[in-house]
Amino acid sequence: MSTEELLDIEPPVLSFPFELHKQAYCSIRLSNKTQKFVAFKVKTTSPTKYSVKPNFGIVSPRSTLDITVTMPSQKEAPPSMQCEDKFLIQSAVASSGATTDVRRLFERGHLIQNCKLEVVYIFPPQVPSSVPDGLTRARKLLDVKPLVLQFPFELNKELSCSFQLSNVTENSVAFKVKTTALEKYYVIPNMGIVLPRSTCDITVKMKAQNKVPPDVKCNDKFLIQSIVANTAATPKDITTDMFNKAEECKLTVGYVFRPHPPSTKSVTSKEGSSWNTSTMEKRNSNDSEVVPGHDRNGSNGGDVILGWIIIGLLGMIIWYIMKMAMPLIGYCLSKKFLLQNPPQLFLALAMKLLLKQDILSQFSILIHRPAFRY
């Protein structure tokens, strides 16, 4: 029977907008979807690097609680821009009258659920301006989301990202997408028309890169130009000259360096002592977790041994039957009795196996009995 999940934790990965010599923030939301009071405690493999507020407490039934994680300014970027830090969120059922000091609840061997989170860095941290000079928000034609194109960076692999254009007016709006690195990206579609109160999804693909950019920052930019189009206009009617006095929205490009998929599976366990950094590193040294009683390699080895034992037992049984039957079969063949009296042959074999008497002597008694003669 599966254990009820106490807390729904979002997001599964903590994404920090990384910038040297500047603090970064990230938030975690705990959602209690049960009818019980749930106590929680937050731990990390780098307690001196992060500040977590609150790092323990109680979430009331059917409510949520937000946790703020602060990373102090960093003097240098980590190797390959991969962060090895981990977070562990523990949860346990608390009594309705429990106080906010619940740390002792996780030290007495209660039934505890664990959820592990990983940390990644996002570039760049700055938010571009979506309103160009000379234009006001009242003239805004398209709502563009997101304003930062985040590519999950991997060497020698084509990457893709998407953004959405939402027409917030009652007019048809023509758009065109430009970039500062034409040889690096291709956009589908790069121009078109968005109907009134509708949306259009744009896909941006980045060609495979063979090296990490300097300072692990991307200086590429995208420009979305938009103008009011004729109601009967089609994408074929769009020309470059139409966007000389267009509304513009600038997008920047960032890289997400993610070493491997995180493990967010909640594991229920009993713990009698506090969980420390060395334990976290050991538990996260492998990508997969081993659940007690479900050792896949051990199970396969046991099945192979059991199969060989069964085959050996069957071989011994067949050898024993053949050893007991061969004298009788040889005797019957010599007397030409096998074809003439098969019932007596099987009866003699059965009596030999049951009474453990000599087959030939038993069979001689049977064939000299008048009742068995034809």
Protein backbone atom coordinates (compact mmCIF):
# COMPACT_ATOMS: atom_id res chain seq x y z
CA MET A 1 0.00 0.00 0.00
CA SER A 2 1.51 3.33 -1.06
CA THR A 3 2.03 6.11 1.47
CA GLU A 4 0.09 9.34 0.98
CA GLU A 5 2.28 12.18 -0.27
CA LEU A 6 2.24 14.90 2.36
CA LEU A 7 3.61 17.90 0.43
CA ASP A 8 3.55 18.92 -3.22
CA ILE A 9 6.86 20.75 -3.84
CA GLU A 10 7.40 23.20 -6.70
CA PRO A 11 9.64 23.75 -8.59
CA PRO A 12 11.52 20.44 -8.83
CA VAL A 13 14.73 22.33 -9.74
CA LEU A 14 15.98 25.52 -8.08
CA SER A 15 17.02 27.96 -10.83
CA PHE A 16 19.23 30.86 -9.74
CA PRO A 17 19.92 33.80 -12.13
CA PHE A 18 23.69 33.70 -11.81
CA GLU A 19 25.79 36.87 -11.88
CA LEU A 20 29.19 37.39 -10.29
CA HIS A 21 29.32 39.62 -7.16
CA LYS A 22 25.55 39.72 -6.87
CA GLN A 23 23.04 37.92 -4.62
CA ALA A 24 20.53 35.58 -6.23
CA TYR A 25 17.15 34.44 -4.99
CA CYS A 26 14.86 31.48 -5.61
CA SER A 27 11.59 30.37 -4.01
CA ILE A 28 10.04 27.01 -3.15
CA ARG A 29 6.31 26.48 -2.65
CA LEU A 30 5.06 23.75 -0.31
CA SER A 31 1.42 22.72 -0.86
CA ASN A 32 -0.34 20.61 1.76
CA LYS A 33 -3.15 18.78 -0.01
CA THR A 34 -4.07 16.60 2.98
CA GLN A 35 -6.33 17.13 5.99
CA LYS A 36 -3.37 16.85 8.37
CA PHE A 37 -0.86 19.29 9.81
CA VAL A 38 2.48 18.65 8.12
CA ALA A 39 5.84 19.61 9.59
CA PHE A 40 8.77 20.33 7.26
CA LYS A 41 12.50 20.89 7.48
CA VAL A 42 14.90 22.07 4.74
CA LYS A 43 18.52 20.84 4.52
CA THR A 44 21.30 21.46 2.01
CA THR A 45 24.72 20.10 1.18
CA SER A 46 26.12 23.66 1.38
CA PRO A 47 24.71 25.21 4.57
CA THR A 48 27.32 27.99 4.53
CA LYS A 49 26.42 29.01 0.98
CA TYR A 50 22.64 29.40 1.23
CA SER A 51 20.16 31.09 3.53
CA VAL A 52 16.73 29.44 3.79
CA LYS A 53 13.76 31.26 5.36
CA PRO A 54 11.93 29.57 6.94
CA ASN A 55 13.99 26.37 7.09
CA PHE A 56 11.42 24.54 9.25
CA GLY A 57 7.78 24.94 10.27
CA ILE A 58 4.26 23.57 9.88
CA VAL A 59 1.95 23.73 6.85
CA SER A 60 -1.72 23.75 7.78
CA PRO A 61 -4.21 21.43 6.01
CA ARG A 62 -5.16 22.50 2.49
CA SER A 63 -2.76 25.48 2.51
CA THR A 64 0.55 26.57 0.98
CA LEU A 65 3.79 28.06 2.28
CA ASP A 66 6.55 29.85 0.34
CA ILE A 67 10.23 29.41 1.21
CA THR A 68 12.90 31.87 0.06
CA VAL A 69 16.39 30.57 -0.71
CA THR A 70 19.13 33.20 -0.94
CA MET A 71 22.52 32.57 -2.51
CA PRO A 72 25.15 35.18 -1.55
CA SER A 73 27.29 36.85 -4.18
CA GLN A 74 29.85 34.56 -5.79
CA LYS A 75 33.40 35.65 -6.64
CA GLU A 76 33.90 33.06 -9.38
CA ALA A 77 31.82 30.76 -11.57
CA PRO A 78 31.89 27.02 -10.82
CA PRO A 79 33.74 24.67 -13.24
CA SER A 80 31.76 24.04 -16.45
CA MET A 81 28.95 26.10 -14.91
CA GLN A 82 27.53 22.99 -13.25
CA CYS A 83 26.27 23.28 -9.68
CA GLU A 84 26.60 20.19 -7.49
CA ASP A 85 24.59 21.61 -4.58
CA LYS A 86 21.51 19.72 -3.41
CA PHE A 87 18.53 20.45 -1.19
CA LEU A 88 16.50 18.00 0.87
CA ILE A 89 12.98 18.75 2.10
CA GLN A 90 11.75 16.47 4.87
CA SER A 91 8.10 16.25 5.88
CA ALA A 92 6.19 14.41 8.60
CA VAL A 93 2.70 14.42 10.08
CA ALA A 94 2.41 16.73 13.09
CA SER A 95 -0.27 17.04 15.75
CA SER A 96 -2.84 19.81 15.46
CA GLY A 97 -1.46 21.50 18.58
CA ALA A 98 2.19 21.38 17.54
CA THR A 99 4.25 24.54 17.85
CA THR A 100 6.54 26.03 15.21
CA ASP A 101 9.56 24.40 16.93
CA VAL A 102 9.26 21.05 15.17
CA ARG A 103 12.93 20.19 14.72
CA ARG A 104 12.74 17.53 17.42
CA LEU A 105 10.06 15.77 15.40
CA PHE A 106 12.74 14.78 12.87
CA GLU A 107 15.08 13.40 15.54
CA ARG A 108 12.88 10.75 17.14
CA GLY A 109 12.61 8.26 14.28
CA HIS A 110 9.21 9.38 12.99
CA LEU A 111 7.96 8.35 9.58
CA ILE A 112 9.56 10.92 7.28
CA GLN A 113 9.15 11.69 3.57
CA ASN A 114 12.16 13.06 1.68
CA CYS A 115 12.20 15.10 -1.52
CA LYS A 116 15.51 16.03 -3.20
CA LEU A 117 16.01 19.16 -5.31
CA GLU A 118 18.94 20.15 -7.50
CA VAL A 119 20.33 23.58 -8.33
CA VAL A 120 21.00 25.07 -11.77
CA TYR A 121 22.21 28.49 -12.96
CA ILE A 122 20.37 30.62 -15.52
CA PHE A 123 21.91 33.34 -17.72
CA PRO A 124 21.55 36.28 -18.14
CA PRO A 125 20.05 37.86 -15.05
CA GLN A 126 18.90 41.13 -16.62
CA VAL A 127 15.34 41.61 -17.83
CA PRO A 128 15.09 43.38 -21.20
CA SER A 129 12.80 46.24 -21.88
CA SER A 130 9.71 45.31 -23.91
CA VAL A 131 8.68 48.89 -24.66
CA PRO A 132 10.86 50.88 -27.12
CA ASP A 133 11.57 54.58 -26.93
CA GLY A 134 8.73 56.79 -28.15
CA LEU A 135 6.03 54.18 -27.52
CA THR A 136 3.70 53.89 -24.56
CA ARG A 137 2.07 50.81 -23.12
CA ALA A 138 -1.26 52.04 -24.44
CA ARG A 139 -0.03 51.32 -27.99
CA LYS A 140 1.20 47.85 -27.16
CA LEU A 141 0.19 45.42 -29.87
CA LEU A 142 1.76 42.11 -28.84
CA ASP A 143 2.42 40.59 -25.46
CA VAL A 144 5.64 38.56 -25.72
CA LYS A 145 6.44 35.77 -23.24
CA PRO A 146 9.02 34.89 -22.09
CA LEU A 147 11.36 37.86 -22.36
CA VAL A 148 14.44 35.68 -21.89
CA LEU A 149 14.99 32.71 -24.22
CA GLN A 150 16.50 29.96 -22.10
CA PHE A 151 18.32 27.18 -23.93
CA PRO A 152 19.30 23.98 -22.03
CA PHE A 153 22.92 24.15 -23.18
CA GLU A 154 24.66 20.95 -24.35
CA LEU A 155 27.72 20.72 -26.55
CA ASN A 156 27.37 19.29 -30.06
CA LYS A 157 23.58 19.16 -29.90
CA GLU A 158 20.90 21.24 -31.59
CA LEU A 159 18.83 23.18 -29.05
CA SER A 160 15.37 24.67 -29.28
CA CYS A 161 13.32 27.21 -27.39
CA SER A 162 9.93 28.83 -27.94
CA PHE A 163 8.08 32.02 -27.11
CA GLN A 164 4.50 33.15 -27.62
CA LEU A 165 3.03 36.26 -29.22
CA SER A 166 -0.38 37.32 -27.88
CA ASN A 167 -2.40 39.90 -29.80
CA VAL A 168 -4.04 42.09 -27.15
CA THR A 169 -5.87 44.30 -29.65
CA GLU A 170 -8.94 44.05 -31.85
CA ASN A 171 -6.81 44.45 -35.02
CA SER A 172 -4.71 42.02 -37.02
CA VAL A 173 -1.03 42.47 -36.17
CA ALA A 174 1.88 41.66 -38.49
CA PHE A 175 5.20 40.67 -36.91
CA LYS A 176 8.79 40.03 -37.89
CA VAL A 177 11.58 38.38 -35.87
CA LYS A 178 15.21 39.54 -36.16
CA THR A 179 18.38 38.41 -34.41
CA THR A 180 21.95 39.62 -33.99
CA ALA A 181 23.31 36.15 -34.90
CA LEU A 182 21.71 35.09 -38.17
CA GLU A 183 24.20 32.26 -38.80
CA LYS A 184 23.54 30.73 -35.37
CA TYR A 185 19.71 30.61 -35.23
CA TYR A 186 16.74 29.95 -37.42
CA VAL A 187 13.20 31.00 -36.48
CA ILE A 188 9.94 29.28 -37.45
CA PRO A 189 8.00 31.35 -38.49
CA ASN A 190 10.11 34.49 -38.65
CA MET A 191 7.19 36.64 -39.87
CA GLY A 192 3.43 36.37 -40.02
CA ILE A 193 0.10 37.77 -38.86
CA VAL A 194 -1.55 37.31 -35.47
CA LEU A 195 -5.34 37.60 -35.59
CA PRO A 196 -7.21 39.74 -33.04
CA ARG A 197 -7.23 38.30 -29.51
CA SER A 198 -5.27 35.21 -30.59
CA THR A 199 -1.78 33.82 -30.08
CA CYS A 200 1.09 32.54 -32.20
CA ASP A 201 3.91 30.24 -31.05
CA ILE A 202 7.42 30.87 -32.39
CA THR A 203 10.14 28.20 -32.30
CA VAL A 204 13.80 29.23 -32.20
CA LYS A 205 16.44 26.59 -32.96
CA MET A 206 20.11 27.05 -32.19
CA LYS A 207 22.67 25.11 -34.20
CA ALA A 208 24.93 22.65 -32.37
CA GLN A 209 27.79 24.41 -30.59
CA ASN A 210 31.24 22.83 -30.17
CA LYS A 211 32.42 25.03 -27.28
CA VAL A 212 31.08 26.97 -24.32
CA PRO A 213 30.91 30.76 -24.95
CA PRO A 214 33.40 33.02 -23.10
CA ASP A 215 32.37 33.91 -19.53
CA VAL A 216 29.48 31.43 -20.03
CA LYS A 217 27.28 34.35 -21.09
CA CYS A 218 25.36 34.77 -24.28
CA ASN A 219 25.25 38.25 -25.85
CA ASP A 220 22.80 37.34 -28.61
CA LYS A 221 19.60 39.36 -28.92
CA PHE A 222 16.26 39.00 -30.66
CA LEU A 223 13.99 41.79 -31.84
CA ILE A 224 10.23 41.37 -32.34
CA GLN A 225 8.73 44.06 -34.58
CA SER A 226 4.97 44.47 -34.90
CA ILE A 227 2.56 46.74 -36.75
CA VAL A 228 -1.18 46.94 -37.33
CA ALA A 229 -2.04 45.05 -40.51
CA ASN A 230 -4.93 45.20 -42.92
CA THR A 231 -7.81 42.89 -42.03
CA ALA A 232 -7.52 41.08 -45.36
CA ALA A 233 -3.68 40.89 -45.26
CA THR A 234 -1.90 37.52 -45.49
CA PRO A 235 1.70 36.55 -44.60
CA LYS A 236 2.61 36.87 -48.28
CA ASP A 237 1.71 40.58 -48.14
CA ILE A 238 4.33 41.30 -45.45
CA THR A 239 7.43 43.21 -46.61
CA THR A 240 10.51 44.51 -44.80
CA ASP A 241 9.62 48.14 -45.50
CA MET A 242 6.41 47.81 -43.49
CA PHE A 243 8.40 47.67 -40.20
CA ASN A 244 10.27 51.00 -40.48
CA LYS A 245 8.03 52.49 -37.75
CA ALA A 246 7.10 49.37 -35.88
CA GLU A 247 6.62 48.59 -32.21
CA GLU A 248 9.65 46.66 -30.95
CA CYS A 249 10.30 44.20 -28.17
CA LYS A 250 13.81 42.99 -27.33
CA LEU A 251 14.60 39.51 -26.05
CA THR A 252 17.86 38.21 -24.64
CA VAL A 253 19.27 34.69 -24.65
CA GLY A 254 20.35 32.69 -21.62
CA TYR A 255 21.86 29.24 -21.11
CA VAL A 256 20.64 26.73 -18.54
CA PHE A 257 23.45 24.39 -17.51
CA ARG A 258 21.90 21.23 -16.19
CA PRO A 259 24.22 18.26 -15.52
CA HIS A 260 21.55 15.54 -15.32
CA PRO A 261 17.81 15.14 -14.63
CA PRO A 262 17.00 15.66 -10.97
CA SER A 263 15.54 13.03 -8.70
CA THR A 264 12.27 14.39 -7.27
CA LYS A 265 10.78 11.13 -6.18
CA SER A 266 9.60 11.21 -2.57
CA VAL A 267 11.06 8.39 -0.48
CA THR A 268 9.48 7.44 2.83
CA SER A 269 11.92 6.37 5.52
CA LYS A 270 12.47 6.28 9.26
CA GLU A 271 15.38 8.34 10.50
CA GLY A 272 16.64 8.45 14.05
CA SER A 273 19.30 11.12 13.62
CA SER A 274 19.72 14.39 11.73
CA TRP A 275 20.67 14.20 8.08
CA ASN A 276 24.07 15.72 7.26
CA THR A 277 26.06 16.87 4.24
CA SER A 278 28.15 13.72 3.86
CA THR A 279 25.00 11.59 3.82
CA MET A 280 23.50 13.79 1.09
CA GLU A 281 26.56 13.45 -1.10
CA LYS A 282 26.58 9.68 -0.73
CA ARG A 283 22.89 9.41 -1.52
CA ASN A 284 23.25 11.54 -4.63
CA SER A 285 26.43 9.90 -5.96
CA ASN A 286 24.24 7.71 -8.22
CA ASP A 287 21.48 8.87 -10.55
CA SER A 288 19.04 6.18 -9.38
CA GLU A 289 17.89 5.21 -5.92
CA VAL A 290 17.67 1.65 -4.61
CA VAL A 291 14.44 0.89 -2.77
CA PRO A 292 14.87 -1.77 -0.05
CA GLY A 293 13.53 -5.14 -1.12
CA HIS A 294 13.79 -4.32 -4.81
CA ASP A 295 17.41 -5.11 -5.70
CA ARG A 296 17.15 -5.88 -9.40
CA ASN A 297 20.55 -7.57 -9.76
CA GLY A 298 20.02 -9.76 -6.70
CA SER A 299 16.60 -10.85 -7.94
CA ASN A 300 17.96 -11.91 -11.33
CA GLY A 301 20.78 -13.93 -9.75
CA GLY A 302 18.34 -15.78 -7.49
CA ASP A 303 16.09 -16.65 -10.45
CA VAL A 304 19.06 -18.15 -12.35
CA ILE A 305 20.16 -20.29 -9.39
CA LEU A 306 16.60 -21.51 -8.80
CA GLY A 307 16.28 -22.45 -12.47
CA TRP A 308 19.46 -24.54 -12.37
CA ILE A 309 18.27 -26.32 -9.20
CA ILE A 310 14.96 -27.25 -10.82
CA ILE A 311 16.73 -28.55 -13.96
CA GLY A 312 19.08 -30.63 -11.79
CA LEU A 313 16.19 -32.17 -9.84
CA LEU A 314 14.33 -33.06 -13.03
CA GLY A 315 17.49 -34.70 -14.43
CA MET A 316 17.90 -36.81 -11.28
CA ILE A 317 14.25 -37.93 -11.41
CA ILE A 318 14.50 -38.91 -15.08
CA TRP A 319 17.81 -40.77 -14.41
CA TYR A 320 16.24 -42.69 -11.52
CA ILE A 321 13.19 -43.71 -13.59
CA MET A 322 15.39 -44.85 -16.47
CA LYS A 323 17.63 -46.83 -14.11
CA MET A 324 14.64 -48.63 -12.63
CA ALA A 325 12.94 -49.23 -15.98
CA MET A 326 15.86 -50.37 -18.15
CA PRO A 327 16.16 -53.92 -16.66
CA LEU A 328 12.44 -54.46 -17.12
CA ILE A 329 12.46 -53.14 -20.68
CA GLY A 330 15.47 -55.30 -21.57
CA TYR A 331 13.86 -58.40 -20.07
CA CYS A 332 10.59 -57.79 -21.94
CA LEU A 333 12.37 -57.27 -25.24
CA SER A 334 14.32 -60.52 -24.79
CA LYS A 335 11.10 -62.42 -24.10
CA LYS A 336 9.15 -60.56 -26.78
CA PHE A 337 6.71 -59.70 -24.06
CA LEU A 338 6.58 -55.93 -24.63
CA LEU A 339 4.34 -56.12 -27.70
CA GLN A 340 2.18 -58.93 -26.37
CA ASN A 341 1.35 -57.80 -22.83
CA PRO A 342 1.89 -54.02 -22.32
CA PRO A 343 -0.49 -53.79 -19.30
CA GLN A 344 1.62 -56.25 -17.35
CA LEU A 345 4.75 -54.25 -18.18
CA PHE A 346 3.40 -51.01 -16.64
CA LEU A 347 1.92 -52.84 -13.68
CA ALA A 348 5.27 -54.45 -12.88
CA LEU A 349 7.03 -51.07 -13.15
CA ALA A 350 4.51 -49.46 -10.78
CA MET A 351 4.86 -52.23 -8.24
CA LYS A 352 8.65 -51.97 -8.39
CA LEU A 353 8.54 -48.23 -7.70
CA LEU A 354 6.02 -48.54 -4.89
CA LEU A 355 7.27 -51.69 -3.14
CA LYS A 356 11.00 -51.21 -3.96
CA GLN A 357 11.38 -54.86 -4.98
CA ASP A 358 13.47 -56.35 -7.75
CA ILE A 359 11.84 -55.72 -11.12
CA LEU A 360 12.77 -59.00 -12.78
CA SER A 361 11.66 -61.18 -9.89
CA GLN A 362 8.44 -59.22 -9.50
CA PHE A 363 7.79 -59.40 -13.20
CA SER A 364 8.50 -63.17 -13.28
CA ILE A 365 5.80 -63.69 -10.67
CA LEU A 366 3.36 -61.66 -12.74
CA ILE A 367 3.92 -63.48 -16.04
CA HIS A 368 3.53 -66.92 -14.40
CA ARG A 369 0.17 -66.02 -12.88
CA PRO A 370 -2.70 -67.60 -14.91
CA ALA A 371 -4.85 -64.50 -14.46
CA PHE A 372 -2.54 -62.49 -16.71
CA ARG A 373 -2.44 -64.92 -19.57
CA TYR A 374 -4.41 -64.33 -22.70
